[in-house]
Amino acid sequence: MNKKNIRVSHPTDRQSFWEDAVQVLESIFEMKYANAIEEVAAEMGTDDRVVLILYPEEPMLVTSYNHRNDSFHGFEFDDASLEDEFGLCMVYDSACVVTLGENDYLVEAPLMITNIDKDGNETSVSVEDAFMAADFLKERETFIEVDGEAYQAFRLTF
């Protein structure tokens, strides 16, 4: 029988594997949204800007401001607020906001994320905005139950 030199290694730092895995996933996320933002920017006019559309239980949508209603008909993006915790400019349909206690919830409606420059003008979103929006989704996506019926929502206030 031929003997082979076989060595079994045990990682001394298991956390490093998970940290590496997270870095790989973040890189994939960054490439995906960077490419999507570039594609939308290349197709839009000079008076347009790239925005993100969030909807509960749906992937983030990268689109242009002028095409914001293509996937979500019947909603008006008529109100806006600056979200302090994540630093996002959120635009939504005010008719879909419900106040429960001290919190406002956007119920079963899309949430548009835009960017604002130092002069207060709305500008195209960046990959960093997509990361912040993903964190926002993780923290603020929820359900509101009324008489046994569940409604998807975003908690707008903290």
N, C-alpha and C. Protein backbone atom coordinates (compact mmCIF):
# COMPACT_ATOMS: atom_id res chain seq x y z
N MET A 1 0.84 -1.17 0.00
CA MET A 1 0.00 0.00 0.00
C MET A 1 0.88 1.24 0.00
N ASN A 2 0.56 2.17 -0.89
CA ASN A 2 1.28 3.42 -0.96
C ASN A 2 0.82 4.36 0.14
N LYS A 3 1.74 4.87 0.85
CA LYS A 3 1.39 5.83 1.89
C LYS A 3 1.45 7.23 1.28
N LYS A 4 0.48 8.03 1.63
CA LYS A 4 0.44 9.42 1.19
C LYS A 4 0.46 10.30 2.43
N ASN A 5 1.07 11.41 2.26
CA ASN A 5 1.12 12.36 3.35
C ASN A 5 -0.20 13.12 3.39
N ILE A 6 -1.01 12.85 4.37
CA ILE A 6 -2.32 13.50 4.52
C ILE A 6 -2.29 14.31 5.80
N ARG A 7 -2.73 15.53 5.66
CA ARG A 7 -2.75 16.40 6.82
C ARG A 7 -4.14 17.00 6.97
N VAL A 8 -4.68 16.97 8.14
CA VAL A 8 -5.98 17.56 8.43
C VAL A 8 -5.73 18.80 9.24
N SER A 9 -6.27 19.91 8.76
CA SER A 9 -6.08 21.18 9.47
C SER A 9 -7.40 21.62 10.07
N HIS A 10 -7.30 22.18 11.20
CA HIS A 10 -8.47 22.76 11.86
C HIS A 10 -8.23 24.25 11.99
N PRO A 11 -9.12 25.04 11.46
CA PRO A 11 -8.89 26.48 11.57
C PRO A 11 -8.90 26.90 13.03
N THR A 12 -7.95 27.72 13.38
CA THR A 12 -7.89 28.20 14.75
C THR A 12 -8.84 29.37 14.97
N ASP A 13 -9.22 30.01 13.89
CA ASP A 13 -10.12 31.16 14.02
C ASP A 13 -11.33 30.93 13.11
N ARG A 14 -12.35 30.32 13.66
CA ARG A 14 -13.56 30.05 12.87
C ARG A 14 -14.24 31.34 12.40
N GLN A 15 -14.12 32.37 13.19
CA GLN A 15 -14.75 33.64 12.84
C GLN A 15 -14.22 34.17 11.51
N SER A 16 -12.95 33.93 11.22
CA SER A 16 -12.39 34.47 9.98
C SER A 16 -13.08 33.89 8.76
N PHE A 17 -13.50 32.62 8.81
CA PHE A 17 -14.25 32.04 7.69
C PHE A 17 -15.54 32.81 7.46
N TRP A 18 -16.27 33.09 8.54
CA TRP A 18 -17.55 33.80 8.41
C TRP A 18 -17.33 35.23 7.98
N GLU A 19 -16.27 35.84 8.48
CA GLU A 19 -15.96 37.20 8.05
C GLU A 19 -15.63 37.23 6.57
N ASP A 20 -14.87 36.24 6.10
CA ASP A 20 -14.56 36.15 4.67
C ASP A 20 -15.82 35.94 3.85
N ALA A 21 -16.71 35.07 4.34
CA ALA A 21 -17.97 34.80 3.62
C ALA A 21 -18.82 36.07 3.53
N VAL A 22 -18.89 36.82 4.62
CA VAL A 22 -19.65 38.07 4.61
C VAL A 22 -19.03 39.07 3.63
N GLN A 23 -17.70 39.15 3.60
CA GLN A 23 -17.04 40.05 2.67
C GLN A 23 -17.35 39.68 1.22
N VAL A 24 -17.36 38.38 0.93
CA VAL A 24 -17.69 37.93 -0.43
C VAL A 24 -19.12 38.32 -0.78
N LEU A 25 -20.05 38.09 0.13
CA LEU A 25 -21.45 38.45 -0.12
C LEU A 25 -21.61 39.96 -0.29
N GLU A 26 -20.91 40.74 0.52
CA GLU A 26 -20.98 42.19 0.38
C GLU A 26 -20.41 42.64 -0.96
N SER A 27 -19.37 41.98 -1.43
CA SER A 27 -18.79 42.30 -2.74
C SER A 27 -19.77 41.99 -3.86
N ILE A 28 -20.45 40.86 -3.75
CA ILE A 28 -21.46 40.51 -4.75
C ILE A 28 -22.59 41.53 -4.75
N PHE A 29 -23.07 41.89 -3.56
CA PHE A 29 -24.13 42.89 -3.42
C PHE A 29 -23.69 44.21 -4.06
N GLU A 30 -22.46 44.62 -3.75
CA GLU A 30 -21.95 45.87 -4.28
C GLU A 30 -21.87 45.85 -5.80
N MET A 31 -21.36 44.74 -6.37
CA MET A 31 -21.27 44.62 -7.84
C MET A 31 -22.65 44.64 -8.46
N LYS A 32 -23.59 43.91 -7.86
CA LYS A 32 -24.95 43.84 -8.41
C LYS A 32 -25.58 45.23 -8.49
N TYR A 33 -25.52 45.96 -7.39
CA TYR A 33 -26.17 47.28 -7.38
C TYR A 33 -25.37 48.34 -8.12
N ALA A 34 -24.06 48.23 -8.13
CA ALA A 34 -23.26 49.16 -8.92
C ALA A 34 -23.58 49.00 -10.41
N ASN A 35 -23.68 47.75 -10.86
CA ASN A 35 -24.03 47.49 -12.27
C ASN A 35 -25.44 47.98 -12.58
N ALA A 36 -26.39 47.72 -11.69
CA ALA A 36 -27.77 48.15 -11.92
C ALA A 36 -27.87 49.66 -11.97
N ILE A 37 -27.18 50.34 -11.07
CA ILE A 37 -27.19 51.81 -11.06
C ILE A 37 -26.57 52.36 -12.35
N GLU A 38 -25.46 51.78 -12.78
CA GLU A 38 -24.82 52.21 -14.03
C GLU A 38 -25.73 52.00 -15.23
N GLU A 39 -26.42 50.84 -15.28
CA GLU A 39 -27.32 50.55 -16.41
C GLU A 39 -28.46 51.56 -16.48
N VAL A 40 -29.08 51.84 -15.34
CA VAL A 40 -30.19 52.79 -15.33
C VAL A 40 -29.69 54.19 -15.70
N ALA A 41 -28.55 54.58 -15.14
CA ALA A 41 -27.99 55.91 -15.44
C ALA A 41 -27.68 56.06 -16.93
N ALA A 42 -27.21 55.00 -17.56
CA ALA A 42 -26.87 55.05 -18.98
C ALA A 42 -28.11 55.22 -19.86
N GLU A 43 -29.26 54.75 -19.40
CA GLU A 43 -30.48 54.79 -20.20
C GLU A 43 -31.35 56.02 -19.97
N MET A 44 -31.08 56.78 -18.92
CA MET A 44 -31.99 57.87 -18.58
C MET A 44 -31.51 59.20 -19.15
N GLY A 45 -32.43 60.16 -19.17
CA GLY A 45 -32.13 61.50 -19.65
C GLY A 45 -31.37 62.30 -18.62
N THR A 46 -30.89 63.47 -19.04
CA THR A 46 -30.08 64.30 -18.15
C THR A 46 -30.89 64.90 -17.00
N ASP A 47 -32.21 65.04 -17.16
CA ASP A 47 -33.04 65.62 -16.11
C ASP A 47 -33.59 64.56 -15.15
N ASP A 48 -33.12 63.34 -15.25
CA ASP A 48 -33.61 62.22 -14.45
C ASP A 48 -32.55 61.84 -13.42
N ARG A 49 -32.90 60.93 -12.50
CA ARG A 49 -31.95 60.44 -11.51
C ARG A 49 -32.29 59.00 -11.14
N VAL A 50 -31.30 58.29 -10.64
CA VAL A 50 -31.47 56.89 -10.24
C VAL A 50 -32.03 56.86 -8.82
N VAL A 51 -33.06 56.02 -8.61
CA VAL A 51 -33.67 55.86 -7.29
C VAL A 51 -33.78 54.37 -6.97
N LEU A 52 -34.00 54.08 -5.70
CA LEU A 52 -34.29 52.71 -5.26
C LEU A 52 -35.74 52.66 -4.83
N ILE A 53 -36.41 51.57 -5.17
CA ILE A 53 -37.79 51.36 -4.72
C ILE A 53 -37.79 50.12 -3.83
N LEU A 54 -38.28 50.29 -2.61
CA LEU A 54 -38.39 49.19 -1.66
C LEU A 54 -39.86 48.83 -1.49
N TYR A 55 -40.12 47.56 -1.41
CA TYR A 55 -41.47 47.07 -1.13
C TYR A 55 -41.31 45.85 -0.25
N PRO A 56 -42.12 45.72 0.80
CA PRO A 56 -41.96 44.58 1.70
C PRO A 56 -41.94 43.25 0.97
N GLU A 57 -41.02 42.40 1.38
CA GLU A 57 -40.89 41.03 0.85
C GLU A 57 -40.47 40.98 -0.62
N GLU A 58 -39.99 42.09 -1.17
CA GLU A 58 -39.53 42.15 -2.56
C GLU A 58 -38.07 42.59 -2.59
N PRO A 59 -37.32 42.18 -3.63
CA PRO A 59 -35.94 42.70 -3.74
C PRO A 59 -35.96 44.19 -4.07
N MET A 60 -34.90 44.87 -3.70
CA MET A 60 -34.77 46.28 -4.00
C MET A 60 -34.76 46.48 -5.52
N LEU A 61 -35.48 47.48 -5.97
CA LEU A 61 -35.56 47.78 -7.40
C LEU A 61 -34.76 49.04 -7.68
N VAL A 62 -33.87 48.98 -8.65
CA VAL A 62 -33.12 50.15 -9.11
C VAL A 62 -33.80 50.62 -10.38
N THR A 63 -34.22 51.88 -10.40
CA THR A 63 -34.91 52.42 -11.57
C THR A 63 -34.64 53.92 -11.64
N SER A 64 -35.17 54.55 -12.66
CA SER A 64 -35.03 56.00 -12.76
C SER A 64 -36.27 56.65 -12.13
N TYR A 65 -36.09 57.88 -11.71
CA TYR A 65 -37.21 58.62 -11.10
C TYR A 65 -38.39 58.68 -12.06
N ASN A 66 -38.13 58.91 -13.34
CA ASN A 66 -39.21 59.01 -14.32
C ASN A 66 -39.96 57.70 -14.53
N HIS A 67 -39.36 56.57 -14.14
CA HIS A 67 -40.00 55.26 -14.29
C HIS A 67 -40.41 54.65 -12.96
N ARG A 68 -40.48 55.47 -11.91
CA ARG A 68 -40.76 54.96 -10.56
C ARG A 68 -42.11 54.28 -10.44
N ASN A 69 -43.07 54.65 -11.25
CA ASN A 69 -44.41 54.07 -11.15
C ASN A 69 -44.63 52.88 -12.08
N ASP A 70 -43.63 52.50 -12.86
CA ASP A 70 -43.80 51.41 -13.81
C ASP A 70 -44.16 50.09 -13.14
N SER A 71 -43.58 49.81 -11.99
CA SER A 71 -43.84 48.54 -11.30
C SER A 71 -44.90 48.65 -10.21
N PHE A 72 -45.18 49.86 -9.78
CA PHE A 72 -46.12 50.06 -8.68
C PHE A 72 -47.15 51.11 -9.09
N HIS A 73 -48.21 50.66 -9.73
CA HIS A 73 -49.26 51.56 -10.21
C HIS A 73 -50.19 51.95 -9.07
N GLY A 74 -50.74 53.13 -9.14
CA GLY A 74 -51.74 53.57 -8.18
C GLY A 74 -51.19 54.19 -6.91
N PHE A 75 -49.88 54.40 -6.85
CA PHE A 75 -49.29 55.02 -5.67
C PHE A 75 -48.75 56.39 -6.06
N GLU A 76 -48.94 57.36 -5.18
CA GLU A 76 -48.38 58.69 -5.36
C GLU A 76 -47.18 58.83 -4.43
N PHE A 77 -46.09 59.29 -4.94
CA PHE A 77 -44.93 59.58 -4.10
C PHE A 77 -45.01 61.07 -3.77
N ASP A 78 -45.87 61.40 -2.79
CA ASP A 78 -46.21 62.80 -2.53
C ASP A 78 -45.71 63.34 -1.19
N ASP A 79 -45.04 62.53 -0.41
CA ASP A 79 -44.53 62.99 0.87
C ASP A 79 -43.12 62.45 1.05
N ALA A 80 -42.32 63.16 1.80
CA ALA A 80 -40.94 62.73 1.99
C ALA A 80 -40.48 63.03 3.40
N SER A 81 -39.49 62.27 3.83
CA SER A 81 -38.87 62.54 5.13
C SER A 81 -37.43 62.07 5.08
N LEU A 82 -36.63 62.66 5.92
CA LEU A 82 -35.24 62.25 6.03
C LEU A 82 -35.16 61.34 7.23
N GLU A 83 -34.67 60.14 7.02
CA GLU A 83 -34.58 59.13 8.07
C GLU A 83 -33.26 59.31 8.78
N ASP A 84 -33.31 59.65 10.06
CA ASP A 84 -32.10 60.01 10.80
C ASP A 84 -31.16 58.83 11.05
N GLU A 85 -31.69 57.69 11.43
CA GLU A 85 -30.84 56.56 11.81
C GLU A 85 -30.01 56.07 10.64
N PHE A 86 -30.59 56.00 9.45
CA PHE A 86 -29.89 55.47 8.28
C PHE A 86 -29.46 56.57 7.31
N GLY A 87 -29.95 57.78 7.49
CA GLY A 87 -29.56 58.89 6.62
C GLY A 87 -30.14 58.78 5.23
N LEU A 88 -31.31 58.20 5.11
CA LEU A 88 -31.95 58.02 3.80
C LEU A 88 -33.02 59.08 3.57
N CYS A 89 -33.14 59.55 2.35
CA CYS A 89 -34.26 60.40 1.97
C CYS A 89 -35.35 59.47 1.44
N MET A 90 -36.45 59.39 2.17
CA MET A 90 -37.52 58.46 1.83
C MET A 90 -38.71 59.23 1.26
N VAL A 91 -39.25 58.74 0.15
CA VAL A 91 -40.41 59.36 -0.49
C VAL A 91 -41.47 58.28 -0.59
N TYR A 92 -42.72 58.64 -0.23
CA TYR A 92 -43.77 57.63 -0.16
C TYR A 92 -45.14 58.27 -0.36
N ASP A 93 -46.14 57.40 -0.44
CA ASP A 93 -47.53 57.82 -0.60
C ASP A 93 -48.10 58.10 0.79
N SER A 94 -48.40 59.37 1.08
CA SER A 94 -48.87 59.75 2.41
C SER A 94 -50.20 59.10 2.77
N ALA A 95 -50.99 58.71 1.78
CA ALA A 95 -52.27 58.06 2.05
C ALA A 95 -52.08 56.66 2.63
N CYS A 96 -50.88 56.11 2.54
CA CYS A 96 -50.60 54.76 3.03
C CYS A 96 -49.86 54.75 4.37
N VAL A 97 -49.75 55.92 5.01
CA VAL A 97 -49.07 56.02 6.30
C VAL A 97 -50.10 55.92 7.43
N VAL A 98 -49.81 55.05 8.38
CA VAL A 98 -50.67 54.86 9.55
C VAL A 98 -49.83 55.13 10.78
N THR A 99 -50.39 55.87 11.73
CA THR A 99 -49.70 56.13 12.98
C THR A 99 -50.29 55.23 14.06
N LEU A 100 -49.41 54.46 14.69
CA LEU A 100 -49.79 53.60 15.81
C LEU A 100 -48.89 53.96 16.97
N GLY A 101 -49.47 54.49 18.03
CA GLY A 101 -48.67 54.96 19.15
C GLY A 101 -47.80 56.12 18.70
N GLU A 102 -46.50 56.00 18.91
CA GLU A 102 -45.56 57.05 18.51
C GLU A 102 -44.89 56.78 17.18
N ASN A 103 -45.24 55.69 16.52
CA ASN A 103 -44.57 55.30 15.27
C ASN A 103 -45.48 55.46 14.07
N ASP A 104 -44.85 55.87 12.94
CA ASP A 104 -45.53 55.92 11.66
C ASP A 104 -45.12 54.69 10.86
N TYR A 105 -46.09 54.09 10.16
CA TYR A 105 -45.86 52.91 9.34
C TYR A 105 -46.35 53.18 7.93
N LEU A 106 -45.56 52.79 6.95
CA LEU A 106 -45.99 52.81 5.56
C LEU A 106 -46.52 51.41 5.28
N VAL A 107 -47.82 51.30 5.05
CA VAL A 107 -48.48 50.00 4.98
C VAL A 107 -48.77 49.62 3.53
N GLU A 108 -48.25 48.45 3.15
CA GLU A 108 -48.47 47.86 1.82
C GLU A 108 -48.34 48.86 0.70
N ALA A 109 -47.21 49.58 0.72
CA ALA A 109 -46.93 50.58 -0.30
C ALA A 109 -45.42 50.65 -0.53
N PRO A 110 -45.01 51.07 -1.74
CA PRO A 110 -43.58 51.19 -2.02
C PRO A 110 -42.97 52.40 -1.34
N LEU A 111 -41.69 52.30 -1.09
CA LEU A 111 -40.91 53.37 -0.48
C LEU A 111 -39.76 53.69 -1.44
N MET A 112 -39.69 54.94 -1.88
CA MET A 112 -38.64 55.35 -2.81
C MET A 112 -37.50 55.99 -2.01
N ILE A 113 -36.27 55.59 -2.33
CA ILE A 113 -35.08 56.15 -1.71
C ILE A 113 -34.37 57.01 -2.75
N THR A 114 -34.13 58.26 -2.38
CA THR A 114 -33.35 59.16 -3.24
C THR A 114 -32.16 59.66 -2.43
N ASN A 115 -31.30 60.36 -3.08
CA ASN A 115 -30.14 60.94 -2.42
C ASN A 115 -30.28 62.45 -2.49
N ILE A 116 -29.70 63.14 -1.52
CA ILE A 116 -29.75 64.60 -1.50
C ILE A 116 -28.33 65.12 -1.39
N ASP A 117 -28.00 66.10 -2.23
CA ASP A 117 -26.66 66.69 -2.16
C ASP A 117 -26.61 67.76 -1.07
N LYS A 118 -25.45 68.37 -0.88
CA LYS A 118 -25.27 69.35 0.19
C LYS A 118 -26.12 70.60 0.00
N ASP A 119 -26.62 70.84 -1.23
CA ASP A 119 -27.47 72.00 -1.50
C ASP A 119 -28.95 71.68 -1.35
N GLY A 120 -29.27 70.42 -1.00
CA GLY A 120 -30.67 70.03 -0.82
C GLY A 120 -31.35 69.54 -2.07
N ASN A 121 -30.59 69.33 -3.16
CA ASN A 121 -31.16 68.84 -4.41
C ASN A 121 -31.14 67.32 -4.42
N GLU A 122 -32.22 66.72 -4.95
CA GLU A 122 -32.25 65.27 -5.09
C GLU A 122 -31.30 64.84 -6.19
N THR A 123 -30.49 63.82 -5.89
CA THR A 123 -29.52 63.30 -6.84
C THR A 123 -29.66 61.78 -6.92
N SER A 124 -28.94 61.17 -7.83
CA SER A 124 -28.98 59.71 -7.98
C SER A 124 -28.42 59.03 -6.74
N VAL A 125 -28.96 57.85 -6.46
CA VAL A 125 -28.47 57.05 -5.34
C VAL A 125 -27.13 56.43 -5.71
N SER A 126 -26.42 56.01 -4.68
CA SER A 126 -25.13 55.36 -4.84
C SER A 126 -25.21 53.94 -4.29
N VAL A 127 -24.13 53.20 -4.46
CA VAL A 127 -24.07 51.85 -3.89
C VAL A 127 -24.15 51.93 -2.37
N GLU A 128 -23.55 52.96 -1.78
CA GLU A 128 -23.62 53.14 -0.33
C GLU A 128 -25.07 53.30 0.12
N ASP A 129 -25.86 54.03 -0.68
CA ASP A 129 -27.29 54.17 -0.36
C ASP A 129 -27.99 52.82 -0.41
N ALA A 130 -27.60 51.96 -1.35
CA ALA A 130 -28.19 50.63 -1.44
C ALA A 130 -27.86 49.81 -0.18
N PHE A 131 -26.63 49.92 0.31
CA PHE A 131 -26.26 49.24 1.55
C PHE A 131 -27.10 49.75 2.72
N MET A 132 -27.26 51.07 2.81
CA MET A 132 -28.07 51.64 3.89
C MET A 132 -29.53 51.22 3.76
N ALA A 133 -30.04 51.16 2.53
CA ALA A 133 -31.42 50.73 2.30
C ALA A 133 -31.59 49.27 2.71
N ALA A 134 -30.59 48.44 2.43
CA ALA A 134 -30.67 47.03 2.85
C ALA A 134 -30.70 46.91 4.37
N ASP A 135 -29.89 47.73 5.05
CA ASP A 135 -29.93 47.74 6.51
C ASP A 135 -31.28 48.23 7.02
N PHE A 136 -31.83 49.25 6.35
CA PHE A 136 -33.15 49.76 6.71
C PHE A 136 -34.19 48.66 6.59
N LEU A 137 -34.15 47.91 5.47
CA LEU A 137 -35.10 46.81 5.27
C LEU A 137 -35.00 45.80 6.40
N LYS A 138 -33.78 45.45 6.75
CA LYS A 138 -33.56 44.45 7.79
C LYS A 138 -34.14 44.90 9.13
N GLU A 139 -33.99 46.17 9.43
CA GLU A 139 -34.42 46.69 10.73
C GLU A 139 -35.88 47.13 10.77
N ARG A 140 -36.42 47.60 9.66
CA ARG A 140 -37.71 48.28 9.70
C ARG A 140 -38.86 47.57 8.98
N GLU A 141 -38.57 46.51 8.26
CA GLU A 141 -39.64 45.78 7.60
C GLU A 141 -40.41 44.99 8.66
N THR A 142 -41.74 45.08 8.62
CA THR A 142 -42.54 44.46 9.66
C THR A 142 -43.92 44.09 9.13
N PHE A 143 -44.73 43.54 10.01
CA PHE A 143 -46.12 43.25 9.70
C PHE A 143 -46.98 43.88 10.77
N ILE A 144 -48.14 44.36 10.37
CA ILE A 144 -49.12 44.88 11.31
C ILE A 144 -50.33 43.97 11.21
N GLU A 145 -50.78 43.48 12.34
CA GLU A 145 -51.93 42.58 12.34
C GLU A 145 -53.15 43.32 12.86
N VAL A 146 -54.23 43.26 12.08
CA VAL A 146 -55.50 43.88 12.45
C VAL A 146 -56.59 42.84 12.28
N ASP A 147 -57.27 42.50 13.36
CA ASP A 147 -58.36 41.51 13.33
C ASP A 147 -57.93 40.22 12.63
N GLY A 148 -56.72 39.75 12.93
CA GLY A 148 -56.23 38.50 12.37
C GLY A 148 -55.68 38.61 10.95
N GLU A 149 -55.76 39.79 10.35
CA GLU A 149 -55.25 40.02 8.98
C GLU A 149 -53.89 40.70 9.08
N ALA A 150 -52.87 40.15 8.41
CA ALA A 150 -51.52 40.72 8.45
C ALA A 150 -51.27 41.61 7.25
N TYR A 151 -50.67 42.78 7.50
CA TYR A 151 -50.35 43.74 6.46
C TYR A 151 -48.84 44.03 6.51
N GLN A 152 -48.21 44.01 5.33
CA GLN A 152 -46.78 44.31 5.24
C GLN A 152 -46.58 45.80 5.42
N ALA A 153 -45.49 46.16 6.12
CA ALA A 153 -45.27 47.59 6.39
C ALA A 153 -43.79 47.87 6.62
N PHE A 154 -43.46 49.16 6.54
CA PHE A 154 -42.17 49.69 6.95
C PHE A 154 -42.42 50.62 8.12
N ARG A 155 -41.64 50.47 9.17
CA ARG A 155 -41.72 51.43 10.28
C ARG A 155 -40.88 52.63 9.87
N LEU A 156 -41.51 53.78 9.70
CA LEU A 156 -40.83 54.98 9.22
C LEU A 156 -40.12 55.72 10.33
N THR A 157 -40.69 55.71 11.52
CA THR A 157 -40.07 56.42 12.64
C THR A 157 -39.49 55.41 13.61
N PHE A 158 -38.52 55.88 14.39
CA PHE A 158 -37.82 55.00 15.32
C PHE A 158 -38.17 55.38 16.74
